[in-house]
Amino acid sequence: MRDVRFVDEPLVVKSPASPWPDVVAGSTVSAPDFFAALGGRVRWPIIQMLASGRPMSATEVASALHRDFDGVSKHLRILREAGVIASTTGEDRRMVLFHIPVENRPEPGILDYGFCRVRIASEGYLIL
């Protein structure tokens, strides 16, 4: 049995024989924060939109979801801080574009974060 410890920092695996990396997906992503960020009726549609690989601004996401900018911006920040999505600055430095990194999208409809794979489907999701 693996000796796994969940803390406010990244998921740390104590077993030397474990196939898991010392830090989830080679970053500072913590599994509890990651899964907490996935929960939410607003966040899941955001993930579905960004799974295509096309970067989107908070304004575009809010418009597509028919939601207010401030609320969507908060959800995007939570997803980014949990390591689910990433952001880059657009050509106009005031513009921030959100996306799911290509290394987390190994094939269409699949998100892979190292410690879990999520299959994106129009009617829901399945954690593999």
N, C-alpha and C. Protein backbone atom coordinates (compact mmCIF):
# COMPACT_ATOMS: atom_id res chain seq x y z
N MET A 1 0.84 -1.18 0.00
CA MET A 1 0.00 0.00 0.00
C MET A 1 0.88 1.24 0.00
N ARG A 2 0.50 2.23 -0.78
CA ARG A 2 1.27 3.47 -0.86
C ARG A 2 1.00 4.34 0.35
N ASP A 3 2.06 4.99 0.83
CA ASP A 3 1.92 5.93 1.93
C ASP A 3 1.79 7.33 1.34
N VAL A 4 0.55 7.81 1.21
CA VAL A 4 0.29 9.11 0.59
C VAL A 4 -0.19 10.06 1.66
N ARG A 5 0.33 11.29 1.62
CA ARG A 5 -0.03 12.30 2.62
C ARG A 5 -0.57 13.51 1.88
N PHE A 6 -1.79 13.95 2.23
CA PHE A 6 -2.37 15.14 1.63
C PHE A 6 -2.14 16.31 2.57
N VAL A 7 -1.55 17.35 2.04
CA VAL A 7 -1.28 18.56 2.80
C VAL A 7 -1.66 19.75 1.94
N ASP A 8 -1.48 20.95 2.45
CA ASP A 8 -1.78 22.14 1.67
C ASP A 8 -0.79 22.35 0.54
N GLU A 9 0.28 21.58 0.53
CA GLU A 9 1.27 21.64 -0.52
C GLU A 9 1.00 20.52 -1.50
N PRO A 10 1.85 20.32 -2.50
CA PRO A 10 1.60 19.27 -3.49
C PRO A 10 1.48 17.89 -2.87
N LEU A 11 0.79 17.01 -3.59
CA LEU A 11 0.66 15.62 -3.17
C LEU A 11 2.06 15.01 -3.11
N VAL A 12 2.41 14.42 -1.98
CA VAL A 12 3.74 13.85 -1.80
C VAL A 12 3.60 12.35 -1.60
N VAL A 13 4.34 11.59 -2.35
CA VAL A 13 4.30 10.13 -2.26
C VAL A 13 5.54 9.66 -1.52
N LYS A 14 5.34 8.90 -0.45
CA LYS A 14 6.45 8.45 0.38
C LYS A 14 7.07 7.14 -0.09
N SER A 15 6.31 6.34 -0.83
CA SER A 15 6.81 5.03 -1.23
C SER A 15 7.82 5.15 -2.37
N PRO A 16 9.05 4.61 -2.20
CA PRO A 16 10.04 4.70 -3.27
C PRO A 16 9.65 3.84 -4.47
N ALA A 17 8.80 2.84 -4.28
CA ALA A 17 8.38 1.97 -5.38
C ALA A 17 7.18 2.54 -6.14
N SER A 18 6.67 3.67 -5.71
CA SER A 18 5.48 4.23 -6.33
C SER A 18 5.75 4.75 -7.73
N PRO A 19 4.82 4.52 -8.66
CA PRO A 19 4.98 5.07 -10.00
C PRO A 19 4.60 6.54 -10.08
N TRP A 20 4.03 7.08 -9.02
CA TRP A 20 3.61 8.48 -9.03
C TRP A 20 4.81 9.40 -8.85
N PRO A 21 4.76 10.59 -9.44
CA PRO A 21 5.84 11.55 -9.23
C PRO A 21 5.78 12.14 -7.83
N ASP A 22 6.90 12.71 -7.36
CA ASP A 22 6.91 13.32 -6.04
C ASP A 22 5.96 14.51 -5.96
N VAL A 23 5.86 15.24 -7.06
CA VAL A 23 4.94 16.38 -7.10
C VAL A 23 3.98 16.13 -8.23
N VAL A 24 2.72 16.34 -7.98
CA VAL A 24 1.69 16.07 -8.96
C VAL A 24 1.98 16.81 -10.26
N ALA A 25 1.99 16.08 -11.36
CA ALA A 25 2.16 16.62 -12.71
C ALA A 25 3.39 17.52 -12.83
N GLY A 26 4.40 17.32 -12.00
CA GLY A 26 5.63 18.09 -12.09
C GLY A 26 5.46 19.55 -11.75
N SER A 27 4.42 19.88 -11.02
CA SER A 27 4.18 21.28 -10.67
C SER A 27 3.82 21.38 -9.19
N THR A 28 3.26 22.48 -8.80
CA THR A 28 2.87 22.66 -7.41
C THR A 28 1.38 22.40 -7.21
N VAL A 29 0.79 21.61 -8.08
CA VAL A 29 -0.63 21.30 -7.98
C VAL A 29 -0.86 20.34 -6.82
N SER A 30 -1.80 20.67 -5.95
CA SER A 30 -2.16 19.73 -4.89
C SER A 30 -3.46 19.05 -5.29
N ALA A 31 -3.52 17.74 -5.12
CA ALA A 31 -4.69 16.96 -5.52
C ALA A 31 -5.98 17.47 -4.85
N PRO A 32 -6.00 17.75 -3.55
CA PRO A 32 -7.24 18.24 -2.94
C PRO A 32 -7.71 19.57 -3.55
N ASP A 33 -6.78 20.50 -3.81
CA ASP A 33 -7.15 21.77 -4.43
C ASP A 33 -7.64 21.56 -5.85
N PHE A 34 -6.98 20.66 -6.57
CA PHE A 34 -7.36 20.35 -7.94
C PHE A 34 -8.80 19.85 -8.00
N PHE A 35 -9.11 18.84 -7.18
CA PHE A 35 -10.46 18.27 -7.22
C PHE A 35 -11.51 19.24 -6.68
N ALA A 36 -11.16 20.05 -5.72
CA ALA A 36 -12.09 21.06 -5.21
C ALA A 36 -12.41 22.08 -6.31
N ALA A 37 -11.40 22.43 -7.11
CA ALA A 37 -11.62 23.40 -8.18
C ALA A 37 -12.50 22.84 -9.29
N LEU A 38 -12.47 21.53 -9.51
CA LEU A 38 -13.31 20.94 -10.54
C LEU A 38 -14.79 21.02 -10.19
N GLY A 39 -15.09 21.04 -8.92
CA GLY A 39 -16.49 21.09 -8.50
C GLY A 39 -17.08 22.46 -8.74
N GLY A 40 -18.23 22.49 -9.28
CA GLY A 40 -18.91 23.76 -9.49
C GLY A 40 -19.67 23.77 -10.80
N ARG A 41 -20.86 24.30 -10.76
CA ARG A 41 -21.70 24.32 -11.95
C ARG A 41 -21.22 25.33 -12.97
N VAL A 42 -20.44 26.29 -12.56
CA VAL A 42 -19.89 27.27 -13.51
C VAL A 42 -18.53 26.80 -14.01
N ARG A 43 -17.75 26.19 -13.15
CA ARG A 43 -16.38 25.81 -13.53
C ARG A 43 -16.34 24.69 -14.55
N TRP A 44 -17.25 23.74 -14.45
CA TRP A 44 -17.20 22.63 -15.40
C TRP A 44 -17.43 23.08 -16.84
N PRO A 45 -18.43 23.93 -17.13
CA PRO A 45 -18.56 24.44 -18.50
C PRO A 45 -17.33 25.22 -18.97
N ILE A 46 -16.66 25.90 -18.06
CA ILE A 46 -15.43 26.62 -18.42
C ILE A 46 -14.37 25.61 -18.87
N ILE A 47 -14.21 24.53 -18.13
CA ILE A 47 -13.23 23.50 -18.47
C ILE A 47 -13.58 22.87 -19.82
N GLN A 48 -14.87 22.60 -20.04
CA GLN A 48 -15.29 22.02 -21.32
C GLN A 48 -14.94 22.95 -22.49
N MET A 49 -15.13 24.25 -22.32
CA MET A 49 -14.80 25.19 -23.39
C MET A 49 -13.30 25.25 -23.63
N LEU A 50 -12.51 25.30 -22.56
CA LEU A 50 -11.07 25.43 -22.70
C LEU A 50 -10.39 24.13 -23.13
N ALA A 51 -11.08 23.00 -23.02
CA ALA A 51 -10.50 21.71 -23.40
C ALA A 51 -10.22 21.64 -24.90
N SER A 52 -10.84 22.50 -25.68
CA SER A 52 -10.59 22.52 -27.12
C SER A 52 -9.18 22.99 -27.43
N GLY A 53 -8.55 23.69 -26.49
CA GLY A 53 -7.20 24.20 -26.70
C GLY A 53 -7.16 25.65 -27.12
N ARG A 54 -8.31 26.23 -27.43
CA ARG A 54 -8.35 27.63 -27.85
C ARG A 54 -8.32 28.52 -26.62
N PRO A 55 -7.31 29.41 -26.50
CA PRO A 55 -7.27 30.34 -25.37
C PRO A 55 -8.45 31.31 -25.45
N MET A 56 -9.00 31.64 -24.29
CA MET A 56 -10.14 32.54 -24.21
C MET A 56 -9.92 33.56 -23.10
N SER A 57 -10.40 34.76 -23.33
CA SER A 57 -10.35 35.79 -22.29
C SER A 57 -11.52 35.59 -21.34
N ALA A 58 -11.46 36.22 -20.20
CA ALA A 58 -12.55 36.14 -19.22
C ALA A 58 -13.83 36.72 -19.83
N THR A 59 -13.69 37.75 -20.63
CA THR A 59 -14.86 38.36 -21.29
C THR A 59 -15.52 37.36 -22.24
N GLU A 60 -14.72 36.64 -23.03
CA GLU A 60 -15.26 35.64 -23.96
C GLU A 60 -15.97 34.52 -23.21
N VAL A 61 -15.36 34.06 -22.11
CA VAL A 61 -15.95 32.98 -21.33
C VAL A 61 -17.27 33.45 -20.72
N ALA A 62 -17.27 34.64 -20.14
CA ALA A 62 -18.48 35.18 -19.52
C ALA A 62 -19.59 35.33 -20.55
N SER A 63 -19.25 35.81 -21.73
CA SER A 63 -20.24 35.98 -22.79
C SER A 63 -20.82 34.63 -23.23
N ALA A 64 -19.95 33.64 -23.43
CA ALA A 64 -20.40 32.32 -23.86
C ALA A 64 -21.31 31.66 -22.83
N LEU A 65 -21.05 31.92 -21.55
CA LEU A 65 -21.85 31.31 -20.48
C LEU A 65 -23.03 32.17 -20.05
N HIS A 66 -23.14 33.37 -20.64
CA HIS A 66 -24.19 34.32 -20.25
C HIS A 66 -24.13 34.61 -18.76
N ARG A 67 -22.92 34.87 -18.30
CA ARG A 67 -22.64 35.17 -16.89
C ARG A 67 -21.95 36.52 -16.78
N ASP A 68 -21.92 37.06 -15.56
CA ASP A 68 -21.23 38.34 -15.37
C ASP A 68 -19.72 38.13 -15.33
N PHE A 69 -18.99 39.14 -15.77
CA PHE A 69 -17.54 39.07 -15.87
C PHE A 69 -16.89 38.80 -14.52
N ASP A 70 -17.31 39.50 -13.47
CA ASP A 70 -16.66 39.36 -12.16
C ASP A 70 -16.76 37.93 -11.63
N GLY A 71 -17.93 37.33 -11.76
CA GLY A 71 -18.10 35.95 -11.29
C GLY A 71 -17.25 34.97 -12.06
N VAL A 72 -17.24 35.09 -13.38
CA VAL A 72 -16.45 34.20 -14.22
C VAL A 72 -14.96 34.40 -13.94
N SER A 73 -14.56 35.64 -13.76
CA SER A 73 -13.16 35.94 -13.47
C SER A 73 -12.71 35.24 -12.18
N LYS A 74 -13.58 35.23 -11.19
CA LYS A 74 -13.27 34.56 -9.92
C LYS A 74 -13.08 33.05 -10.14
N HIS A 75 -13.97 32.44 -10.92
CA HIS A 75 -13.87 31.00 -11.18
C HIS A 75 -12.60 30.68 -11.98
N LEU A 76 -12.25 31.52 -12.93
CA LEU A 76 -11.02 31.32 -13.70
C LEU A 76 -9.80 31.41 -12.79
N ARG A 77 -9.81 32.33 -11.85
CA ARG A 77 -8.69 32.47 -10.91
C ARG A 77 -8.56 31.21 -10.06
N ILE A 78 -9.68 30.69 -9.57
CA ILE A 78 -9.66 29.47 -8.74
C ILE A 78 -9.10 28.30 -9.55
N LEU A 79 -9.55 28.15 -10.78
CA LEU A 79 -9.06 27.06 -11.64
C LEU A 79 -7.57 27.21 -11.92
N ARG A 80 -7.12 28.44 -12.16
CA ARG A 80 -5.70 28.68 -12.43
C ARG A 80 -4.85 28.39 -11.20
N GLU A 81 -5.28 28.85 -10.03
CA GLU A 81 -4.51 28.63 -8.81
C GLU A 81 -4.43 27.15 -8.44
N ALA A 82 -5.44 26.37 -8.82
CA ALA A 82 -5.44 24.93 -8.54
C ALA A 82 -4.65 24.14 -9.57
N GLY A 83 -4.20 24.80 -10.64
CA GLY A 83 -3.42 24.11 -11.66
C GLY A 83 -4.24 23.44 -12.74
N VAL A 84 -5.54 23.67 -12.77
CA VAL A 84 -6.40 23.06 -13.78
C VAL A 84 -6.21 23.75 -15.12
N ILE A 85 -6.09 25.07 -15.10
CA ILE A 85 -5.88 25.85 -16.31
C ILE A 85 -4.66 26.74 -16.11
N ALA A 86 -4.22 27.36 -17.19
CA ALA A 86 -3.09 28.30 -17.13
C ALA A 86 -3.53 29.59 -17.82
N SER A 87 -2.71 30.62 -17.69
CA SER A 87 -3.03 31.88 -18.36
C SER A 87 -1.77 32.48 -18.95
N THR A 88 -1.97 33.25 -20.00
CA THR A 88 -0.89 33.98 -20.65
C THR A 88 -1.38 35.38 -20.97
N THR A 89 -0.46 36.28 -21.13
CA THR A 89 -0.80 37.64 -21.50
C THR A 89 -0.97 37.71 -23.01
N GLY A 90 -2.03 38.37 -23.45
CA GLY A 90 -2.28 38.51 -24.88
C GLY A 90 -1.39 39.57 -25.50
N GLU A 91 -1.61 39.85 -26.79
CA GLU A 91 -0.83 40.89 -27.47
C GLU A 91 -0.98 42.22 -26.76
N ASP A 92 -2.19 42.52 -26.35
CA ASP A 92 -2.46 43.70 -25.53
C ASP A 92 -2.20 43.26 -24.10
N ARG A 93 -1.23 43.82 -23.44
CA ARG A 93 -0.81 43.36 -22.11
C ARG A 93 -1.94 43.38 -21.08
N ARG A 94 -3.00 44.11 -21.37
CA ARG A 94 -4.14 44.15 -20.45
C ARG A 94 -5.01 42.90 -20.59
N MET A 95 -4.85 42.18 -21.68
CA MET A 95 -5.66 41.00 -21.97
C MET A 95 -4.99 39.75 -21.41
N VAL A 96 -5.74 38.97 -20.65
CA VAL A 96 -5.24 37.70 -20.14
C VAL A 96 -6.04 36.60 -20.82
N LEU A 97 -5.33 35.63 -21.38
CA LEU A 97 -5.97 34.51 -22.06
C LEU A 97 -5.80 33.25 -21.23
N PHE A 98 -6.89 32.53 -21.02
CA PHE A 98 -6.88 31.30 -20.23
C PHE A 98 -6.93 30.10 -21.16
N HIS A 99 -6.24 29.03 -20.77
CA HIS A 99 -6.19 27.83 -21.58
C HIS A 99 -5.81 26.63 -20.73
N ILE A 100 -6.04 25.46 -21.29
CA ILE A 100 -5.54 24.23 -20.67
C ILE A 100 -4.26 23.89 -21.44
N PRO A 101 -3.13 23.80 -20.75
CA PRO A 101 -1.85 23.55 -21.44
C PRO A 101 -1.89 22.30 -22.31
N VAL A 102 -1.19 22.36 -23.42
CA VAL A 102 -1.17 21.26 -24.37
C VAL A 102 -0.68 19.95 -23.72
N GLU A 103 0.24 20.04 -22.76
CA GLU A 103 0.72 18.81 -22.11
C GLU A 103 -0.38 18.13 -21.28
N ASN A 104 -1.43 18.85 -20.95
CA ASN A 104 -2.56 18.27 -20.22
C ASN A 104 -3.69 17.82 -21.15
N ARG A 105 -3.48 17.97 -22.46
CA ARG A 105 -4.47 17.56 -23.45
C ARG A 105 -3.83 16.57 -24.42
N PRO A 106 -3.55 15.33 -23.98
CA PRO A 106 -2.84 14.38 -24.83
C PRO A 106 -3.63 13.94 -26.06
N GLU A 107 -4.93 13.99 -25.99
CA GLU A 107 -5.78 13.62 -27.12
C GLU A 107 -7.12 14.34 -26.96
N PRO A 108 -7.85 14.51 -28.06
CA PRO A 108 -9.13 15.23 -27.97
C PRO A 108 -10.08 14.59 -26.96
N GLY A 109 -10.65 15.41 -26.12
CA GLY A 109 -11.62 14.93 -25.13
C GLY A 109 -11.02 14.36 -23.86
N ILE A 110 -9.70 14.35 -23.74
CA ILE A 110 -9.03 13.80 -22.55
C ILE A 110 -8.13 14.87 -21.94
N LEU A 111 -8.25 15.07 -20.65
CA LEU A 111 -7.34 15.92 -19.89
C LEU A 111 -6.54 15.01 -18.98
N ASP A 112 -5.23 15.16 -18.98
CA ASP A 112 -4.36 14.30 -18.17
C ASP A 112 -3.48 15.18 -17.30
N TYR A 113 -3.62 15.02 -15.98
CA TYR A 113 -2.84 15.83 -15.03
C TYR A 113 -1.83 14.99 -14.26
N GLY A 114 -1.56 13.79 -14.73
CA GLY A 114 -0.56 12.95 -14.09
C GLY A 114 -1.14 12.04 -13.03
N PHE A 115 -1.95 12.57 -12.15
CA PHE A 115 -2.55 11.75 -11.10
C PHE A 115 -3.99 11.39 -11.42
N CYS A 116 -4.55 11.97 -12.48
CA CYS A 116 -5.89 11.59 -12.94
C CYS A 116 -6.06 12.00 -14.38
N ARG A 117 -6.96 11.30 -15.05
CA ARG A 117 -7.36 11.64 -16.42
C ARG A 117 -8.85 11.92 -16.39
N VAL A 118 -9.24 12.97 -17.07
CA VAL A 118 -10.64 13.37 -17.12
C VAL A 118 -11.08 13.33 -18.57
N ARG A 119 -12.18 12.59 -18.83
CA ARG A 119 -12.72 12.55 -20.18
C ARG A 119 -13.81 13.60 -20.28
N ILE A 120 -13.67 14.50 -21.22
CA ILE A 120 -14.62 15.58 -21.44
C ILE A 120 -15.70 15.06 -22.38
N ALA A 121 -16.94 15.23 -21.98
CA ALA A 121 -18.07 14.87 -22.83
C ALA A 121 -19.11 15.98 -22.71
N SER A 122 -19.90 16.15 -23.73
CA SER A 122 -20.87 17.24 -23.72
C SER A 122 -21.90 17.08 -22.60
N GLU A 123 -22.19 15.85 -22.21
CA GLU A 123 -23.19 15.64 -21.17
C GLU A 123 -22.62 15.49 -19.76
N GLY A 124 -21.32 15.58 -19.60
CA GLY A 124 -20.75 15.45 -18.26
C GLY A 124 -19.29 15.13 -18.32
N TYR A 125 -18.80 14.35 -17.38
CA TYR A 125 -17.40 14.01 -17.32
C TYR A 125 -17.23 12.67 -16.63
N LEU A 126 -16.07 12.11 -16.81
CA LEU A 126 -15.72 10.86 -16.16
C LEU A 126 -14.26 10.94 -15.77
N ILE A 127 -13.97 10.75 -14.51
CA ILE A 127 -12.58 10.73 -14.05
C ILE A 127 -12.09 9.30 -14.19
N LEU A 128 -11.03 9.13 -14.97
CA LEU A 128 -10.51 7.79 -15.27
C LEU A 128 -9.45 7.36 -14.29
